Every structure is written in structure tokens, then in C-alpha cells.
Amino acid sequence: MLQVKYIAENKTWVVACRTPLSSERITKLQKEMEQELKLNGDERLIILNYAEII
């Protein structure tokens, strides 16, 4: 399960996945999320593996 949160103060998208992912899956997820979110030049994307956003 993925959780997505946008932090406006520092223009950062955080994506957390509860289950552990391999490095290949993380890379694939990062590319997919970058395409889906259409990041602006000053926005960042952080992917957290085996984590939860509370």
C-alpha cells in the first residue's frame, strides 16, 4: 500500500510504501511517480521504503 503526501513548505512529495521493495522496484516506482505527479523544477520526490506516513 502506498501513501502520498505533499509538504507545501518545502515543495516535497513523500511516497511511503509499507512493504519492503527491492531497489529495482523503488527505481520503477520513482519513475512512475515522477511521471504521474509531473514535478515542477523546484519540487522534490522522496520515496520511503518499509515506512508509513502518520
PDB file of N, CA and C in Angstrom:
ATOM      1  N   MET A   1       0.840  -1.174   0.000  1.00  0.00           N
ATOM      2  CA  MET A   1       0.000   0.000   0.000  1.00  0.00           C
ATOM      3  C   MET A   1       0.886   1.239   0.000  1.00  0.00           C
ATOM      4  N   LEU A   2       0.552   2.197  -0.851  1.00  0.00           N
ATOM      5  CA  LEU A   2       1.302   3.441  -0.935  1.00  0.00           C
ATOM      6  C   LEU A   2       0.536   4.564  -0.255  1.00  0.00           C
ATOM      7  N   GLN A   3       1.277   5.439   0.383  1.00  0.00           N
ATOM      8  CA  GLN A   3       0.711   6.661   0.946  1.00  0.00           C
ATOM      9  C   GLN A   3       1.464   7.822   0.298  1.00  0.00           C
ATOM     10  N   VAL A   4       0.737   8.864  -0.082  1.00  0.00           N
ATOM     11  CA  VAL A   4       1.348  10.018  -0.729  1.00  0.00           C
ATOM     12  C   VAL A   4       0.948  11.265   0.038  1.00  0.00           C
ATOM     13  N   LYS A   5       1.939  12.133   0.284  1.00  0.00           N
ATOM     14  CA  LYS A   5       1.677  13.383   0.987  1.00  0.00           C
ATOM     15  C   LYS A   5       2.506  14.486   0.348  1.00  0.00           C
ATOM     16  N   TYR A   6       1.909  15.678   0.223  1.00  0.00           N
ATOM     17  CA  TYR A   6       2.638  16.836  -0.289  1.00  0.00           C
ATOM     18  C   TYR A   6       2.912  17.784   0.866  1.00  0.00           C
ATOM     19  N   ILE A   7       4.160  18.187   1.014  1.00  0.00           N
ATOM     20  CA  ILE A   7       4.553  19.142   2.066  1.00  0.00           C
ATOM     21  C   ILE A   7       4.814  20.469   1.365  1.00  0.00           C
ATOM     22  N   ALA A   8       3.876  21.410   1.515  1.00  0.00           N
ATOM     23  CA  ALA A   8       3.939  22.669   0.782  1.00  0.00           C
ATOM     24  C   ALA A   8       5.117  23.549   1.202  1.00  0.00           C
ATOM     25  N   GLU A   9       5.494  23.504   2.477  1.00  0.00           N
ATOM     26  CA  GLU A   9       6.550  24.383   2.978  1.00  0.00           C
ATOM     27  C   GLU A   9       7.867  24.214   2.223  1.00  0.00           C
ATOM     28  N   ASN A  10       8.189  22.974   1.850  1.00  0.00           N
ATOM     29  CA  ASN A  10       9.445  22.748   1.130  1.00  0.00           C
ATOM     30  C   ASN A  10       9.232  22.071  -0.223  1.00  0.00           C
ATOM     31  N   LYS A  11       7.996  22.125  -0.733  1.00  0.00           N
ATOM     32  CA  LYS A  11       7.651  21.622  -2.066  1.00  0.00           C
ATOM     33  C   LYS A  11       8.165  20.201  -2.288  1.00  0.00           C
ATOM     34  N   THR A  12       7.766  19.310  -1.397  1.00  0.00           N
ATOM     35  CA  THR A  12       8.245  17.936  -1.439  1.00  0.00           C
ATOM     36  C   THR A  12       7.075  16.954  -1.442  1.00  0.00           C
ATOM     37  N   TRP A  13       7.118  16.013  -2.376  1.00  0.00           N
ATOM     38  CA  TRP A  13       6.193  14.891  -2.390  1.00  0.00           C
ATOM     39  C   TRP A  13       6.854  13.747  -1.650  1.00  0.00           C
ATOM     40  N   VAL A  14       6.134  13.137  -0.720  1.00  0.00           N
ATOM     41  CA  VAL A  14       6.643  11.986   0.016  1.00  0.00           C
ATOM     42  C   VAL A  14       5.751  10.798  -0.305  1.00  0.00           C
ATOM     43  N   VAL A  15       6.377   9.717  -0.731  1.00  0.00           N
ATOM     44  CA  VAL A  15       5.654   8.480  -1.031  1.00  0.00           C
ATOM     45  C   VAL A  15       6.201   7.412  -0.095  1.00  0.00           C
ATOM     46  N   ALA A  16       5.329   6.802   0.677  1.00  0.00           N
ATOM     47  CA  ALA A  16       5.741   5.762   1.616  1.00  0.00           C
ATOM     48  C   ALA A  16       5.087   4.442   1.225  1.00  0.00           C
ATOM     49  N   CYS A  17       5.886   3.395   1.278  1.00  0.00           N
ATOM     50  CA  CYS A  17       5.391   2.046   0.993  1.00  0.00           C
ATOM     51  C   CYS A  17       5.561   1.209   2.254  1.00  0.00           C
ATOM     52  N   ARG A  18       4.489   0.596   2.703  1.00  0.00           N
ATOM     53  CA  ARG A  18       4.538  -0.202   3.942  1.00  0.00           C
ATOM     54  C   ARG A  18       5.344  -1.480   3.799  1.00  0.00           C
ATOM     55  N   THR A  19       5.335  -2.068   2.615  1.00  0.00           N
ATOM     56  CA  THR A  19       6.047  -3.328   2.418  1.00  0.00           C
ATOM     57  C   THR A  19       7.438  -3.054   1.840  1.00  0.00           C
ATOM     58  N   PRO A  20       8.404  -3.884   2.185  1.00  0.00           N
ATOM     59  CA  PRO A  20       9.756  -3.673   1.657  1.00  0.00           C
ATOM     60  C   PRO A  20       9.803  -3.900   0.140  1.00  0.00           C
ATOM     61  N   LEU A  21      10.535  -3.030  -0.554  1.00  0.00           N
ATOM     62  CA  LEU A  21      10.678  -3.135  -2.000  1.00  0.00           C
ATOM     63  C   LEU A  21      12.150  -3.312  -2.362  1.00  0.00           C
ATOM     64  N   SER A  22      12.376  -4.018  -3.448  1.00  0.00           N
ATOM     65  CA  SER A  22      13.745  -4.161  -3.951  1.00  0.00           C
ATOM     66  C   SER A  22      14.183  -2.838  -4.577  1.00  0.00           C
ATOM     67  N   SER A  23      15.463  -2.688  -4.784  1.00  0.00           N
ATOM     68  CA  SER A  23      15.968  -1.446  -5.373  1.00  0.00           C
ATOM     69  C   SER A  23      15.421  -1.240  -6.784  1.00  0.00           C
ATOM     70  N   GLU A  24      15.195  -2.329  -7.528  1.00  0.00           N
ATOM     71  CA  GLU A  24      14.622  -2.210  -8.869  1.00  0.00           C
ATOM     72  C   GLU A  24      13.190  -1.679  -8.813  1.00  0.00           C
ATOM     73  N   ARG A  25      12.418  -2.195  -7.853  1.00  0.00           N
ATOM     74  CA  ARG A  25      11.027  -1.729  -7.699  1.00  0.00           C
ATOM     75  C   ARG A  25      10.977  -0.276  -7.244  1.00  0.00           C
ATOM     76  N   ILE A  26      11.903   0.128  -6.398  1.00  0.00           N
ATOM     77  CA  ILE A  26      11.939   1.522  -5.952  1.00  0.00           C
ATOM     78  C   ILE A  26      12.247   2.440  -7.134  1.00  0.00           C
ATOM     79  N   THR A  27      13.200   2.049  -7.955  1.00  0.00           N
ATOM     80  CA  THR A  27      13.551   2.842  -9.137  1.00  0.00           C
ATOM     81  C   THR A  27      12.357   2.957 -10.077  1.00  0.00           C
ATOM     82  N   LYS A  28      11.666   1.850 -10.303  1.00  0.00           N
ATOM     83  CA  LYS A  28      10.476   1.856 -11.167  1.00  0.00           C
ATOM     84  C   LYS A  28       9.383   2.736 -10.572  1.00  0.00           C
ATOM     85  N   LEU A  29       9.152   2.617  -9.273  1.00  0.00           N
ATOM     86  CA  LEU A  29       8.150   3.437  -8.594  1.00  0.00           C
ATOM     87  C   LEU A  29       8.503   4.914  -8.697  1.00  0.00           C
ATOM     88  N   GLN A  30       9.763   5.250  -8.529  1.00  0.00           N
ATOM     89  CA  GLN A  30      10.189   6.645  -8.615  1.00  0.00           C
ATOM     90  C   GLN A  30       9.899   7.220 -10.000  1.00  0.00           C
ATOM     91  N   LYS A  31      10.222   6.485 -11.047  1.00  0.00           N
ATOM     92  CA  LYS A  31       9.967   6.950 -12.412  1.00  0.00           C
ATOM     93  C   LYS A  31       8.477   7.119 -12.658  1.00  0.00           C
ATOM     94  N   GLU A  32       7.676   6.156 -12.201  1.00  0.00           N
ATOM     95  CA  GLU A  32       6.225   6.228 -12.387  1.00  0.00           C
ATOM     96  C   GLU A  32       5.629   7.418 -11.643  1.00  0.00           C
ATOM     97  N   MET A  33       6.074   7.643 -10.411  1.00  0.00           N
ATOM     98  CA  MET A  33       5.543   8.757  -9.616  1.00  0.00           C
ATOM     99  C   MET A  33       5.954  10.103 -10.205  1.00  0.00           C
ATOM    100  N   GLU A  34       7.180  10.207 -10.703  1.00  0.00           N
ATOM    101  CA  GLU A  34       7.626  11.456 -11.328  1.00  0.00           C
ATOM    102  C   GLU A  34       6.765  11.785 -12.541  1.00  0.00           C
ATOM    103  N   GLN A  35       6.410  10.776 -13.333  1.00  0.00           N
ATOM    104  CA  GLN A  35       5.552  10.993 -14.500  1.00  0.00           C
ATOM    105  C   GLN A  35       4.134  11.359 -14.077  1.00  0.00           C
ATOM    106  N   GLU A  36       3.621  10.672 -13.078  1.00  0.00           N
ATOM    107  CA  GLU A  36       2.244  10.914 -12.638  1.00  0.00           C
ATOM    108  C   GLU A  36       2.090  12.277 -11.968  1.00  0.00           C
ATOM    109  N   LEU A  37       3.059  12.655 -11.148  1.00  0.00           N
ATOM    110  CA  LEU A  37       2.961  13.915 -10.410  1.00  0.00           C
ATOM    111  C   LEU A  37       3.355  15.122 -11.250  1.00  0.00           C
ATOM    112  N   LYS A  38       4.080  14.895 -12.339  1.00  0.00           N
ATOM    113  CA  LYS A  38       4.547  15.987 -13.198  1.00  0.00           C
ATOM    114  C   LYS A  38       5.243  17.057 -12.347  1.00  0.00           C
ATOM    115  N   LEU A  39       6.343  16.667 -11.728  1.00  0.00           N
ATOM    116  CA  LEU A  39       7.063  17.548 -10.815  1.00  0.00           C
ATOM    117  C   LEU A  39       7.518  18.824 -11.500  1.00  0.00           C
ATOM    118  N   ASN A  40       7.351  19.950 -10.802  1.00  0.00           N
ATOM    119  CA  ASN A  40       7.908  21.220 -11.253  1.00  0.00           C
ATOM    120  C   ASN A  40       9.398  21.210 -10.960  1.00  0.00           C
ATOM    121  N   GLY A  41      10.132  22.149 -11.514  1.00  0.00           N
ATOM    122  CA  GLY A  41      11.575  22.187 -11.352  1.00  0.00           C
ATOM    123  C   GLY A  41      12.046  22.289  -9.916  1.00  0.00           C
ATOM    124  N   ASP A  42      11.257  22.930  -9.050  1.00  0.00           N
ATOM    125  CA  ASP A  42      11.687  23.124  -7.662  1.00  0.00           C
ATOM    126  C   ASP A  42      11.038  22.134  -6.688  1.00  0.00           C
ATOM    127  N   GLU A  43      10.285  21.162  -7.200  1.00  0.00           N
ATOM    128  CA  GLU A  43       9.673  20.151  -6.337  1.00  0.00           C
ATOM    129  C   GLU A  43      10.567  18.918  -6.247  1.00  0.00           C
ATOM    130  N   ARG A  44      10.476  18.233  -5.105  1.00  0.00           N
ATOM    131  CA  ARG A  44      11.263  17.019  -4.879  1.00  0.00           C
ATOM    132  C   ARG A  44      10.341  15.841  -4.634  1.00  0.00           C
ATOM    133  N   LEU A  45      10.879  14.659  -4.847  1.00  0.00           N
ATOM    134  CA  LEU A  45      10.157  13.418  -4.575  1.00  0.00           C
ATOM    135  C   LEU A  45      11.030  12.562  -3.675  1.00  0.00           C
ATOM    136  N   ILE A  46      10.471  12.130  -2.555  1.00  0.00           N
ATOM    137  CA  ILE A  46      11.172  11.239  -1.629  1.00  0.00           C
ATOM    138  C   ILE A  46      10.361   9.958  -1.523  1.00  0.00           C
ATOM    139  N   ILE A  47      11.019   8.822  -1.699  1.00  0.00           N
ATOM    140  CA  ILE A  47      10.361   7.524  -1.574  1.00  0.00           C
ATOM    141  C   ILE A  47      10.890   6.844  -0.319  1.00  0.00           C
ATOM    142  N   LEU A  48       9.978   6.485   0.573  1.00  0.00           N
ATOM    143  CA  LEU A  48      10.340   5.801   1.812  1.00  0.00           C
ATOM    144  C   LEU A  48       9.951   4.333   1.692  1.00  0.00           C
ATOM    145  N   ASN A  49      10.903   3.476   1.923  1.00  0.00           N
ATOM    146  CA  ASN A  49      10.697   2.038   1.815  1.00  0.00           C
ATOM    147  C   ASN A  49      10.424   1.467   3.207  1.00  0.00           C
ATOM    148  N   TYR A  50       9.395   0.615   3.294  1.00  0.00           N
ATOM    149  CA  TYR A  50       9.026  -0.021   4.555  1.00  0.00           C
ATOM    150  C   TYR A  50       8.749   1.037   5.631  1.00  0.00           C
ATOM    151  N   ALA A  51       7.879   1.995   5.257  1.00  0.00           N
ATOM    152  CA  ALA A  51       7.574   3.114   6.153  1.00  0.00           C
ATOM    153  C   ALA A  51       6.098   3.468   6.038  1.00  0.00           C
ATOM    154  N   GLU A  52       5.659   4.316   6.937  1.00  0.00           N
ATOM    155  CA  GLU A  52       4.278   4.767   6.970  1.00  0.00           C
ATOM    156  C   GLU A  52       4.258   6.256   7.290  1.00  0.00           C
ATOM    157  N   ILE A  53       3.373   6.998   6.639  1.00  0.00           N
ATOM    158  CA  ILE A  53       3.200   8.412   6.924  1.00  0.00           C
ATOM    159  C   ILE A  53       2.113   8.535   7.986  1.00  0.00           C
ATOM    160  N   ILE A  54       2.438   9.203   9.078  1.00  0.00           N
ATOM    161  CA  ILE A  54       1.436   9.387  10.137  1.00  0.00           C
ATOM    162  C   ILE A  54       1.113  10.850  10.308  1.00  0.00           C
TER     163      ILE A  54
END
